[in-house]
């Protein structure tokens, strides 16, 4: 079996090294690395269910992670995640998936007795190709070619969440202390409280990713960054919202699973971020954005949020209908709290005619309806910013807009002329 393991590694290296020579671009190699990570997370997850579905197993050997030889795991991830990216210019995706399937069907049988195929190994293999190899290849290819921003961000988020919140803790539990059962066996009320706290802690990261996409046309992957410096949303309060959320979530996991090993891992991650990643990122930002970034860096801490938002450049404008009671109440609420670089303007002055509240930032970014109000909240302070981030979440935003249209203020043309003190137009619920 040792020979089989070495042979698997040699074959993988023989395929990956020419691929690295074939695609010498920084983006291509970064995409291949991301595909490799995605495949590694997916393969590790599939191992958790393989025994339950009679898919496959492994002989008991040294150097294994949860029963899977680590060298075979890494080689498998390189074949599924990196190769389809490195050879993307000569291998269309269907051809690449077909080759991987043929390679797997052949290799899995040749690797017996190291790999032990069970009754349902063939259906499990087909599902794995579709559920793991295909998404890994897609996220790597889209990242390498900067295509399909929304879809590649969604896949990147799935990869990073799986790696950070499942694979990393599982490794800590496997080789250190703590266990998932310490969390899953808590009383239901405690689980609900922890889930809500985790949700709150994740909000800055989720909205920071959204901000990268809509304001910077980029992603959180370090080699797929935004095209411009993003200082809005959570970045108006703290320099590292994603890292801060990740560290807070891992610390929460370490406490609830009673894992000192994971807590130590969190400390190591912070040390790595401050000592290694942060200087590299600061150098990149300083050389790319110069004085603009240095001003931002001097005003916004990396790890401890400001209470009031950092704002620079032309002020944003929130257009609200003065002739609608609800809109006036929102206007007065915001005005009384001294919003930072936010102009509150009557909607009837906007051209073309508005049917909902509109937020227009200094860089031209626009939001409408509930999302516009949520953007306005970001100009107050950190507490209200959290409310605004929650309202702008996908799904929440749609539901909040539905409720607002049905019960608070239906879409209507902003009245021309000065405020008359009237109420909002009737909503579908007005007659109830």
Protein backbone atom coordinates (compact mmCIF):
# COMPACT_ATOMS: atom_id res chain seq x y z
CA UNK A 1 0.00 0.00 0.00
CA UNK A 2 2.96 2.31 0.54
CA UNK A 3 3.86 1.89 -3.13
CA UNK A 4 0.30 2.77 -4.13
CA UNK A 5 0.43 5.94 -2.07
CA UNK A 6 3.77 7.03 -3.53
CA UNK A 7 2.60 6.20 -7.05
CA UNK A 8 -0.56 8.28 -6.59
CA UNK A 9 1.49 11.26 -5.48
CA UNK A 10 3.95 10.87 -8.36
CA UNK A 11 1.16 10.71 -10.95
CA UNK A 12 -0.47 13.81 -9.44
CA UNK A 13 2.82 15.73 -9.43
CA UNK A 14 3.47 14.63 -13.01
CA UNK A 15 0.15 16.17 -14.05
CA UNK A 16 0.18 19.31 -11.87
CA UNK A 17 3.75 20.51 -12.54
CA UNK A 18 3.29 20.72 -16.35
CA UNK A 19 0.00 22.48 -15.66
CA UNK A 20 1.80 25.11 -13.58
CA UNK A 21 4.23 25.60 -16.47
CA UNK A 22 1.37 25.72 -18.97
CA UNK A 23 -0.46 28.46 -17.04
CA UNK A 24 2.13 30.85 -15.62
CA UNK A 25 -0.37 33.63 -14.85
CA UNK A 26 -0.82 34.71 -11.26
CA UNK A 27 -4.59 34.58 -11.59
CA UNK A 28 -4.53 31.12 -13.15
CA UNK A 29 -2.43 29.69 -10.35
CA UNK A 30 -4.54 31.49 -7.73
CA UNK A 31 -7.65 29.96 -9.28
CA UNK A 32 -6.02 26.52 -9.22
CA UNK A 33 -5.18 26.96 -5.53
CA UNK A 34 -8.76 27.92 -4.79
CA UNK A 35 -10.04 24.92 -6.75
CA UNK A 36 -7.67 22.70 -4.76
CA UNK A 37 -8.96 24.09 -1.44
CA UNK A 38 -12.57 23.68 -2.55
CA UNK A 39 -11.98 20.08 -3.58
CA UNK A 40 -10.08 19.32 -0.36
CA UNK A 41 -12.98 20.60 1.78
CA UNK A 42 -15.53 18.75 -0.34
CA UNK A 43 -13.63 15.44 -0.29
CA UNK A 44 -13.19 15.65 3.49
CA UNK A 45 -16.93 16.30 3.85
CA UNK A 46 -17.78 13.39 1.55
CA UNK A 47 -15.64 11.09 3.70
CA UNK A 48 -17.99 11.83 6.62
CA UNK A 49 -20.93 10.24 4.78
CA UNK A 50 -19.17 7.66 2.60
CA UNK A 51 -19.52 4.85 5.15
CA UNK A 52 -23.21 5.60 5.76
CA UNK A 53 -24.06 5.24 2.06
CA UNK A 54 -21.79 2.23 1.43
CA UNK A 55 -19.62 4.34 -0.90
CA UNK A 56 -15.97 3.72 -0.17
CA UNK A 57 -13.47 3.30 2.62
CA UNK A 58 -9.75 3.06 3.22
CA UNK A 59 -7.45 0.52 4.75
CA UNK A 60 -6.11 1.40 8.18
CA UNK A 61 -2.78 3.16 7.54
CA UNK A 62 -0.53 5.72 9.23
CA UNK A 63 -0.84 9.38 8.29
CA UNK A 64 -4.62 9.39 7.98
CA UNK A 65 -7.23 12.05 8.79
CA UNK A 66 -10.51 10.53 9.93
CA UNK A 67 -9.56 7.29 8.22
CA UNK A 68 -8.47 8.88 4.93
CA UNK A 69 -4.74 8.82 3.99
CA UNK A 70 -3.66 12.46 3.92
CA UNK A 71 -1.44 12.04 0.85
CA UNK A 72 -4.29 10.44 -1.09
CA UNK A 73 -6.63 13.23 0.07
CA UNK A 74 -4.28 15.97 -1.16
CA UNK A 75 -3.59 14.20 -4.45
CA UNK A 76 -7.31 13.72 -5.03
CA UNK A 77 -7.96 17.41 -4.30
CA UNK A 78 -5.23 18.47 -6.74
CA UNK A 79 -6.67 16.28 -9.49
CA UNK A 80 -10.24 17.47 -8.97
CA UNK A 81 -9.62 21.12 -8.11
CA UNK A 82 -6.34 22.31 -9.61
CA UNK A 83 -5.99 20.43 -12.91
CA UNK A 84 -9.29 21.58 -14.50
CA UNK A 85 -8.18 25.17 -13.81
CA UNK A 86 -4.59 24.91 -15.01
CA UNK A 87 -5.62 23.21 -18.27
CA UNK A 88 -8.81 25.24 -18.80
CA UNK A 89 -7.54 26.78 -22.06
CA UNK A 90 -7.26 23.38 -23.78
CA UNK A 91 -9.81 21.30 -21.87
CA UNK A 92 -13.46 22.44 -21.98
CA UNK A 93 -15.22 21.79 -18.68
CA UNK A 94 -17.28 18.77 -19.86
CA UNK A 95 -14.13 17.15 -21.27
CA UNK A 96 -12.23 17.81 -18.03
CA UNK A 97 -15.03 16.29 -15.95
CA UNK A 98 -15.15 13.27 -18.26
CA UNK A 99 -11.40 12.71 -17.92
CA UNK A 100 -11.61 13.01 -14.13
CA UNK A 101 -14.45 10.50 -14.03
CA UNK A 102 -12.54 8.01 -16.20
CA UNK A 103 -9.41 8.54 -14.12
CA UNK A 104 -11.33 7.92 -10.90
CA UNK A 105 -13.11 4.82 -12.16
CA UNK A 106 -9.77 3.35 -13.21
CA UNK A 107 -7.64 4.45 -10.27
CA UNK A 108 -10.09 3.52 -7.52
CA UNK A 109 -10.06 -0.11 -8.62
CA UNK A 110 -6.29 -0.19 -9.11
CA UNK A 111 -5.77 1.25 -5.62
CA UNK A 112 -7.34 -1.79 -3.93
CA UNK A 113 -6.72 -2.74 -1.09
CA UNK A 114 -5.76 0.82 -0.05
CA UNK A 115 -9.16 1.98 -1.30
CA UNK A 116 -12.03 -0.33 -0.41
CA UNK A 117 -15.03 0.05 -2.67
CA UNK A 118 -18.43 -0.67 -1.17
CA UNK A 119 -21.74 -1.64 -2.70
CA UNK A 120 -22.74 1.90 -3.82
CA UNK A 121 -19.33 3.21 -4.82
CA UNK A 122 -20.28 3.93 -8.43
CA UNK A 123 -23.33 6.16 -7.67
CA UNK A 124 -21.28 7.80 -4.89
CA UNK A 125 -18.51 8.53 -7.39
CA UNK A 126 -20.93 10.13 -9.86
CA UNK A 127 -22.49 12.28 -7.12
CA UNK A 128 -19.04 13.32 -5.90
CA UNK A 129 -17.99 14.41 -9.38
CA UNK A 130 -21.10 16.58 -9.69
CA UNK A 131 -21.17 17.90 -6.10
CA UNK A 132 -17.44 18.37 -5.47
CA UNK A 133 -15.26 18.25 -8.59
CA UNK A 134 -17.59 20.37 -10.74
CA UNK A 135 -18.07 23.25 -8.23
CA UNK A 136 -14.34 23.19 -7.40
CA UNK A 137 -13.45 23.50 -11.08
CA UNK A 138 -16.04 26.22 -11.61
CA UNK A 139 -14.94 28.43 -8.72
CA UNK A 140 -11.29 28.03 -9.78
CA UNK A 141 -11.98 28.81 -13.43
CA UNK A 142 -14.27 31.76 -12.71
CA UNK A 143 -11.72 33.19 -10.29
CA UNK A 144 -8.86 32.73 -12.74
CA UNK A 145 -10.80 34.46 -15.53
CA UNK A 146 -12.75 36.93 -13.32
CA UNK A 147 -16.11 35.79 -14.63
CA UNK A 148 -19.59 35.39 -13.08
CA UNK A 149 -19.02 37.58 -10.03
CA UNK A 150 -22.17 36.61 -8.13
CA UNK A 151 -21.78 32.88 -8.65
CA UNK A 152 -18.07 32.84 -7.85
CA UNK A 153 -18.61 34.83 -4.66
CA UNK A 154 -21.32 32.35 -3.59
CA UNK A 155 -18.99 29.41 -4.20
CA UNK A 156 -16.05 31.17 -2.53
CA UNK A 157 -18.19 31.84 0.53
CA UNK A 158 -19.18 28.18 0.68
CA UNK A 159 -15.53 27.13 0.45
CA UNK A 160 -14.30 29.61 3.07
CA UNK A 161 -17.17 28.83 5.45
CA UNK A 162 -16.59 25.09 5.08
CA UNK A 163 -12.84 25.43 5.58
CA UNK A 164 -13.05 27.86 8.52
CA UNK A 165 -16.13 26.74 10.41
CA UNK A 166 -16.09 22.99 9.76
CA UNK A 167 -12.75 21.62 8.52
CA UNK A 168 -10.48 23.66 10.80
CA UNK A 169 -12.46 22.86 13.99
CA UNK A 170 -12.71 19.20 12.97
CA UNK A 171 -8.93 19.01 12.60
CA UNK A 172 -8.55 20.64 16.02
CA UNK A 173 -10.93 18.09 17.56
CA UNK A 174 -9.23 15.18 15.78
CA UNK A 175 -5.70 15.97 16.97
CA UNK A 176 -6.48 18.01 20.10
CA UNK A 177 -9.46 18.23 22.42
CA UNK A 178 -13.12 19.19 22.15
CA UNK A 179 -15.88 17.67 20.04
CA UNK A 180 -18.87 18.68 17.96
CA UNK A 181 -21.07 16.70 20.35
CA UNK A 182 -20.28 19.21 23.11
CA UNK A 183 -22.18 21.69 20.98
CA UNK A 184 -24.88 19.51 19.44
CA UNK A 185 -25.88 17.98 22.79
CA UNK A 186 -26.59 21.36 24.42
CA UNK A 187 -30.22 22.14 25.35
CA UNK A 188 -32.30 23.51 22.51
CA UNK A 189 -32.61 26.98 24.06
CA UNK A 190 -28.82 27.17 24.34
CA UNK A 191 -28.41 26.06 20.73
CA UNK A 192 -30.85 28.76 19.60
CA UNK A 193 -29.04 31.43 21.63
CA UNK A 194 -25.66 30.35 20.18
CA UNK A 195 -27.08 30.30 16.65
CA UNK A 196 -28.40 33.86 17.04
CA UNK A 197 -25.10 35.07 18.48
CA UNK A 198 -23.23 33.39 15.62
CA UNK A 199 -25.56 35.07 13.15
CA UNK A 200 -24.84 38.50 14.66
CA UNK A 201 -21.10 37.85 14.62
CA UNK A 202 -21.22 36.85 10.96
CA UNK A 203 -23.08 40.00 9.82
CA UNK A 204 -19.97 42.20 9.33
CA UNK A 205 -18.32 39.50 7.20
CA UNK A 206 -21.41 38.87 5.08
CA UNK A 207 -21.96 42.54 4.36
CA UNK A 208 -18.25 43.12 3.78
CA UNK A 209 -18.37 40.49 1.04
CA UNK A 210 -21.45 42.17 -0.41
CA UNK A 211 -19.65 45.51 -0.30
CA UNK A 212 -16.65 44.06 -2.11
CA UNK A 213 -18.95 42.81 -4.87
CA UNK A 214 -21.23 45.81 -5.43
CA UNK A 215 -18.74 48.61 -4.69
CA UNK A 216 -15.48 47.05 -5.79
CA UNK A 217 -16.38 44.33 -8.32
CA UNK A 218 -14.19 41.90 -6.38
CA UNK A 219 -14.28 39.05 -3.90
CA UNK A 220 -12.75 38.26 -0.47
CA UNK A 221 -10.21 35.88 -2.03
CA UNK A 222 -6.83 37.65 -1.66
CA UNK A 223 -5.90 37.03 -5.32
CA UNK A 224 -9.28 38.20 -6.59
CA UNK A 225 -9.53 41.60 -4.87
CA UNK A 226 -11.82 44.57 -5.64
CA UNK A 227 -10.88 47.00 -8.40
CA UNK A 228 -11.07 49.94 -6.01
CA UNK A 229 -10.54 50.73 -2.34
CA UNK A 230 -13.73 49.87 -0.44
CA UNK A 231 -14.32 52.05 2.64
CA UNK A 232 -18.10 51.77 2.95
CA UNK A 233 -20.45 49.35 4.72
CA UNK A 234 -18.62 47.46 7.50
CA UNK A 235 -15.33 48.92 6.23
CA UNK A 236 -16.49 52.34 7.43
CA UNK A 237 -16.23 50.96 10.98
CA UNK A 238 -13.36 48.46 11.00
CA UNK A 239 -10.53 47.57 8.62
CA UNK A 240 -10.81 43.77 8.88
CA UNK A 241 -14.51 42.95 9.20
CA UNK A 242 -14.19 39.50 7.60
CA UNK A 243 -11.23 38.45 9.73
CA UNK A 244 -12.89 39.88 12.85
CA UNK A 245 -16.07 37.88 12.21
CA UNK A 246 -14.09 34.70 11.49
CA UNK A 247 -12.05 35.03 14.68
CA UNK A 248 -15.17 35.77 16.76
CA UNK A 249 -17.03 32.77 15.30
CA UNK A 250 -14.08 30.44 15.89
CA UNK A 251 -13.74 31.72 19.46
CA UNK A 252 -17.44 31.03 19.98
CA UNK A 253 -16.97 27.53 18.56
CA UNK A 254 -13.96 26.91 20.78
CA UNK A 255 -15.95 27.93 23.87
CA UNK A 256 -19.06 25.90 23.01
CA UNK A 257 -17.13 22.77 21.97
CA UNK A 258 -14.74 23.09 24.93
CA UNK A 259 -11.67 22.93 22.71
CA UNK A 260 -8.42 24.47 23.91
CA UNK A 261 -6.80 23.25 20.69
CA UNK A 262 -9.23 25.31 18.62
CA UNK A 263 -8.74 28.29 20.92
CA UNK A 264 -4.99 27.96 20.37
CA UNK A 265 -5.67 27.78 16.63
CA UNK A 266 -7.63 31.02 16.85
CA UNK A 267 -4.70 32.66 18.63
CA UNK A 268 -2.33 31.36 15.97
CA UNK A 269 -4.63 32.69 13.23
CA UNK A 270 -4.64 36.15 14.84
CA UNK A 271 -0.85 36.07 15.16
CA UNK A 272 -0.53 35.00 11.53
CA UNK A 273 -2.90 37.74 10.42
CA UNK A 274 -1.08 40.47 12.32
CA UNK A 275 2.46 39.23 11.74
CA UNK A 276 2.34 37.85 8.19
CA UNK A 277 -0.84 38.64 6.24
CA UNK A 278 -1.37 42.20 7.50
CA UNK A 279 2.04 43.59 6.45
CA UNK A 280 1.62 42.07 2.98
CA UNK A 281 -1.86 43.53 2.63
CA UNK A 282 -0.79 46.93 3.94
CA UNK A 283 2.07 47.05 1.46
CA UNK A 284 -0.30 46.18 -1.41
CA UNK A 285 -2.88 48.78 -0.36
CA UNK A 286 -0.26 51.48 0.23
CA UNK A 287 1.37 50.96 -3.16
CA UNK A 288 -1.97 50.65 -4.97
CA UNK A 289 -4.03 53.44 -3.36
CA UNK A 290 -1.37 55.67 -1.78
CA UNK A 291 -2.58 58.65 0.26
CA UNK A 292 -6.26 57.67 0.08
CA UNK A 293 -5.54 54.38 1.84
CA UNK A 294 -3.10 55.91 4.33
CA UNK A 295 -5.78 58.41 5.38
CA UNK A 296 -8.30 55.59 5.79
CA UNK A 297 -5.78 53.45 7.66
CA UNK A 298 -5.08 56.29 10.07
CA UNK A 299 -8.78 56.73 10.89
CA UNK A 300 -10.17 53.16 10.93
CA UNK A 301 -8.71 50.51 13.29
CA UNK A 302 -8.18 47.02 11.87
CA UNK A 303 -9.53 44.98 14.78
CA UNK A 304 -11.58 47.31 17.04
CA UNK A 305 -14.59 49.01 15.38
CA UNK A 306 -15.22 52.74 15.50
CA UNK A 307 -18.54 53.83 16.98
CA UNK A 308 -19.21 56.44 14.30
CA UNK A 309 -18.56 55.64 10.61
CA UNK A 310 -15.58 56.85 8.64
CA UNK A 311 -16.82 58.90 5.70
CA UNK A 312 -14.96 60.83 3.06
CA UNK A 313 -15.56 62.24 -0.40
CA UNK A 314 -18.89 63.56 -1.70
CA UNK A 315 -21.78 62.96 0.72
CA UNK A 316 -24.46 60.37 0.01
CA UNK A 317 -28.07 61.44 -0.55
CA UNK A 318 -31.18 59.71 0.77
CA UNK A 319 -34.31 60.76 -1.10
CA UNK A 320 -37.48 60.47 1.00
CA UNK A 321 -41.07 61.50 0.24
CA UNK A 322 -41.99 64.44 2.48
CA UNK A 323 -45.67 63.85 1.76
CA UNK A 324 -45.61 60.37 3.30
CA UNK A 325 -45.94 60.07 7.08
CA UNK A 326 -43.63 57.05 7.36
CA UNK A 327 -40.97 58.67 5.18
CA UNK A 328 -41.10 61.89 7.23
CA UNK A 329 -40.71 59.89 10.43
CA UNK A 330 -37.62 58.18 8.99
CA UNK A 331 -36.24 61.51 7.84
CA UNK A 332 -36.70 63.06 11.26
CA UNK A 333 -35.26 59.98 12.98
CA UNK A 334 -32.10 60.16 10.89
CA UNK A 335 -31.75 63.93 11.09
CA UNK A 336 -31.95 63.93 14.91
CA UNK A 337 -28.97 61.55 15.10
CA UNK A 338 -26.52 63.64 13.06
CA UNK A 339 -25.78 61.23 10.17
CA UNK A 340 -22.21 61.33 8.85
CA UNK A 341 -21.97 62.79 5.33
CA UNK A 342 -25.58 62.00 4.47
CA UNK A 343 -27.92 64.54 2.85
CA UNK A 344 -31.65 64.03 3.39
CA UNK A 345 -33.50 65.30 0.32
CA UNK A 346 -37.23 65.49 -0.59
CA UNK A 347 -38.05 62.82 -3.14
CA UNK A 348 -40.26 65.10 -5.25
CA UNK A 349 -37.15 66.99 -6.34
CA UNK A 350 -35.57 63.86 -7.82
CA UNK A 351 -35.65 63.33 -11.56
CA UNK A 352 -36.91 61.01 -12.84
CA UNK A 353 -39.85 60.52 -10.48
CA UNK A 354 -39.19 58.14 -7.61
CA UNK A 355 -41.59 55.40 -6.51
CA UNK A 356 -39.61 54.37 -3.48
CA UNK A 357 -36.94 55.90 -1.25
CA UNK A 358 -33.57 56.05 -2.98
CA UNK A 359 -30.02 56.15 -1.63
CA UNK A 360 -27.26 57.48 -3.88
CA UNK A 361 -23.73 57.37 -2.53
CA UNK A 362 -20.96 59.75 -3.43
CA UNK A 363 -19.54 57.22 -5.90
CA UNK A 364 -22.90 56.77 -7.65
CA UNK A 365 -23.94 53.48 -6.03
CA UNK A 366 -27.73 53.29 -5.63
CA UNK A 367 -30.16 51.36 -3.42
CA UNK A 368 -33.96 51.64 -3.34
CA UNK A 369 -36.74 51.05 -0.84
CA UNK A 370 -35.86 49.30 2.41
CA UNK A 371 -32.24 48.87 1.28
CA UNK A 372 -32.00 52.66 0.86
CA UNK A 373 -33.22 53.19 4.43
CA UNK A 374 -30.78 50.53 5.61
CA UNK A 375 -27.95 52.39 3.89
CA UNK A 376 -29.02 55.55 5.70
CA UNK A 377 -28.75 53.75 9.06
CA UNK A 378 -25.10 52.99 8.30
CA UNK A 379 -24.40 56.74 8.54
CA UNK A 380 -25.46 56.89 12.24
CA UNK A 381 -23.41 54.60 14.45
CA UNK A 382 -22.34 50.96 14.82
CA UNK A 383 -25.53 49.85 16.57
CA UNK A 384 -27.83 51.14 13.84
CA UNK A 385 -25.38 49.95 11.19
CA UNK A 386 -25.96 46.37 12.42
CA UNK A 387 -29.70 46.90 11.92
CA UNK A 388 -29.03 48.20 8.41
CA UNK A 389 -26.76 45.24 7.58
CA UNK A 390 -29.43 42.83 8.75
CA UNK A 391 -32.07 44.53 6.58
CA UNK A 392 -29.83 44.30 3.51
CA UNK A 393 -29.29 40.55 3.76
CA UNK A 394 -30.69 38.59 0.80
CA UNK A 395 -34.08 37.25 1.78
CA UNK A 396 -34.45 39.64 4.72
CA UNK A 397 -34.34 42.56 2.34
CA UNK A 398 -36.99 40.99 0.10
CA UNK A 399 -39.27 40.18 3.05
CA UNK A 400 -38.84 43.62 4.64
CA UNK A 401 -39.69 45.30 1.34
CA UNK A 402 -42.77 43.10 0.99
CA UNK A 403 -43.97 44.05 4.48
CA UNK A 404 -43.23 47.74 3.90
CA UNK A 405 -45.15 47.75 0.61
CA UNK A 406 -48.10 45.91 2.10
CA UNK A 407 -48.41 47.59 5.49
CA UNK A 408 -46.38 50.81 5.73
CA UNK A 409 -45.99 52.66 2.44
CA UNK A 410 -46.99 51.22 -0.91
CA UNK A 411 -44.86 52.24 -3.93
CA UNK A 412 -46.09 55.61 -5.15
CA UNK A 413 -44.89 58.56 -7.18
CA UNK A 414 -43.29 61.18 -4.97
CA UNK A 415 -45.59 64.20 -4.98
CA UNK A 416 -44.38 67.31 -6.78
CA UNK A 417 -44.24 70.37 -4.59
CA UNK A 418 -43.55 71.16 -0.94
CA UNK A 419 -44.57 68.92 1.89
CA UNK A 420 -48.25 69.09 2.61
CA UNK A 421 -48.40 67.05 5.79
CA UNK A 422 -50.51 64.31 4.23
CA UNK A 423 -50.29 60.61 4.90
CA UNK A 424 -48.85 57.82 2.78
CA UNK A 425 -50.99 56.35 -0.03
CA UNK A 426 -53.22 53.44 1.07
CA UNK A 427 -51.51 50.06 1.34
CA UNK A 428 -53.10 46.66 0.65
CA UNK A 429 -53.60 46.32 4.43
CA UNK A 430 -55.25 49.75 4.91
CA UNK A 431 -58.76 48.34 4.76
CA UNK A 432 -58.08 45.58 7.27
